């Protein structure tokens, strides 16, 4: 079987679209978090070693990625 015959162009375009959409949603989420927080988020995580904040933001990104994966698979 030829590898090029197995590739469906609509699936490639759909995957690229959802990838771009997912990355832009994560960037928007990060932008919202940094604007809403009353303190500098990056400084809290990097310099002050605030592990709780890092875990919270990681959980937000993980949940967002699970939602995006579910949309892609549906």
C-alpha atoms as a PDB file:
ATOM      1  CA  UNK A   1       0.000   0.000   0.000  1.00  0.00           C
ATOM      2  CA  UNK A   2       1.343   3.386  -0.954  1.00  0.00           C
ATOM      3  CA  UNK A   3       1.846   5.724   1.994  1.00  0.00           C
ATOM      4  CA  UNK A   4       0.595   8.743   0.033  1.00  0.00           C
ATOM      5  CA  UNK A   5      -2.664   6.956  -0.779  1.00  0.00           C
ATOM      6  CA  UNK A   6      -3.322   6.429   2.936  1.00  0.00           C
ATOM      7  CA  UNK A   7      -3.045  10.159   3.766  1.00  0.00           C
ATOM      8  CA  UNK A   8      -6.337  12.002   3.586  1.00  0.00           C
ATOM      9  CA  UNK A   9      -5.854  15.755   2.913  1.00  0.00           C
ATOM     10  CA  UNK A  10      -8.975  16.709   4.865  1.00  0.00           C
ATOM     11  CA  UNK A  11      -7.637  14.939   7.962  1.00  0.00           C
ATOM     12  CA  UNK A  12      -4.305  16.758   7.665  1.00  0.00           C
ATOM     13  CA  UNK A  13      -6.064  20.123   7.326  1.00  0.00           C
ATOM     14  CA  UNK A  14      -8.343  19.318  10.268  1.00  0.00           C
ATOM     15  CA  UNK A  15      -5.399  18.307  12.431  1.00  0.00           C
ATOM     16  CA  UNK A  16      -3.516  21.499  11.581  1.00  0.00           C
ATOM     17  CA  UNK A  17      -6.610  23.607  12.283  1.00  0.00           C
ATOM     18  CA  UNK A  18      -7.235  22.036  15.690  1.00  0.00           C
ATOM     19  CA  UNK A  19      -3.552  22.241  16.574  1.00  0.00           C
ATOM     20  CA  UNK A  20      -3.450  25.956  15.838  1.00  0.00           C
ATOM     21  CA  UNK A  21      -6.737  26.462  17.673  1.00  0.00           C
ATOM     22  CA  UNK A  22      -5.493  24.518  20.719  1.00  0.00           C
ATOM     23  CA  UNK A  23      -2.200  26.385  20.949  1.00  0.00           C
ATOM     24  CA  UNK A  24      -3.963  29.735  20.570  1.00  0.00           C
ATOM     25  CA  UNK A  25      -6.469  28.781  23.295  1.00  0.00           C
ATOM     26  CA  UNK A  26      -3.604  27.881  25.639  1.00  0.00           C
ATOM     27  CA  UNK A  27      -1.866  31.173  24.853  1.00  0.00           C
ATOM     28  CA  UNK A  28      -5.111  33.043  25.495  1.00  0.00           C
ATOM     29  CA  UNK A  29      -5.533  31.182  28.775  1.00  0.00           C
ATOM     30  CA  UNK A  30      -1.994  32.126  29.851  1.00  0.00           C
ATOM     31  CA  UNK A  31      -2.628  35.756  28.880  1.00  0.00           C
ATOM     32  CA  UNK A  32      -5.862  35.838  30.917  1.00  0.00           C
ATOM     33  CA  UNK A  33      -4.154  34.256  33.945  1.00  0.00           C
ATOM     34  CA  UNK A  34      -1.323  36.811  33.890  1.00  0.00           C
ATOM     35  CA  UNK A  35      -3.763  39.726  33.504  1.00  0.00           C
ATOM     36  CA  UNK A  36      -6.198  38.634  36.228  1.00  0.00           C
ATOM     37  CA  UNK A  37      -3.589  37.720  38.842  1.00  0.00           C
ATOM     38  CA  UNK A  38      -2.793  40.577  41.236  1.00  0.00           C
ATOM     39  CA  UNK A  39       0.881  39.548  41.251  1.00  0.00           C
ATOM     40  CA  UNK A  40       3.481  38.732  38.578  1.00  0.00           C
ATOM     41  CA  UNK A  41       2.895  35.026  37.869  1.00  0.00           C
ATOM     42  CA  UNK A  42       6.268  34.309  36.276  1.00  0.00           C
ATOM     43  CA  UNK A  43       8.123  35.934  39.198  1.00  0.00           C
ATOM     44  CA  UNK A  44       6.087  33.915  41.708  1.00  0.00           C
ATOM     45  CA  UNK A  45       6.893  30.632  39.974  1.00  0.00           C
ATOM     46  CA  UNK A  46      10.520  31.218  38.993  1.00  0.00           C
ATOM     47  CA  UNK A  47      12.008  33.409  41.703  1.00  0.00           C
ATOM     48  CA  UNK A  48       9.775  32.772  44.727  1.00  0.00           C
ATOM     49  CA  UNK A  49       9.464  29.029  43.956  1.00  0.00           C
ATOM     50  CA  UNK A  50       5.669  29.014  44.448  1.00  0.00           C
ATOM     51  CA  UNK A  51       4.959  25.339  43.771  1.00  0.00           C
ATOM     52  CA  UNK A  52       1.229  25.616  44.465  1.00  0.00           C
ATOM     53  CA  UNK A  53       0.796  28.215  41.748  1.00  0.00           C
ATOM     54  CA  UNK A  54       2.821  26.158  39.297  1.00  0.00           C
ATOM     55  CA  UNK A  55       0.684  23.080  39.997  1.00  0.00           C
ATOM     56  CA  UNK A  56      -2.507  25.122  39.589  1.00  0.00           C
ATOM     57  CA  UNK A  57      -1.450  26.542  36.227  1.00  0.00           C
ATOM     58  CA  UNK A  58      -0.264  23.102  35.115  1.00  0.00           C
ATOM     59  CA  UNK A  59      -3.669  21.676  36.002  1.00  0.00           C
ATOM     60  CA  UNK A  60      -5.389  24.401  33.990  1.00  0.00           C
ATOM     61  CA  UNK A  61      -3.270  23.635  30.932  1.00  0.00           C
ATOM     62  CA  UNK A  62      -3.747  19.897  31.366  1.00  0.00           C
ATOM     63  CA  UNK A  63      -7.514  20.217  31.580  1.00  0.00           C
ATOM     64  CA  UNK A  64      -7.559  22.489  28.550  1.00  0.00           C
ATOM     65  CA  UNK A  65      -5.485  20.002  26.564  1.00  0.00           C
ATOM     66  CA  UNK A  66      -7.834  17.153  27.534  1.00  0.00           C
ATOM     67  CA  UNK A  67     -10.800  19.193  26.312  1.00  0.00           C
ATOM     68  CA  UNK A  68      -9.044  19.987  23.028  1.00  0.00           C
ATOM     69  CA  UNK A  69      -8.123  16.313  22.533  1.00  0.00           C
ATOM     70  CA  UNK A  70     -11.734  15.287  23.128  1.00  0.00           C
ATOM     71  CA  UNK A  71     -12.917  17.779  20.517  1.00  0.00           C
ATOM     72  CA  UNK A  72     -10.383  16.501  17.990  1.00  0.00           C
ATOM     73  CA  UNK A  73     -11.358  12.861  18.567  1.00  0.00           C
ATOM     74  CA  UNK A  74     -15.092  13.509  18.292  1.00  0.00           C
END
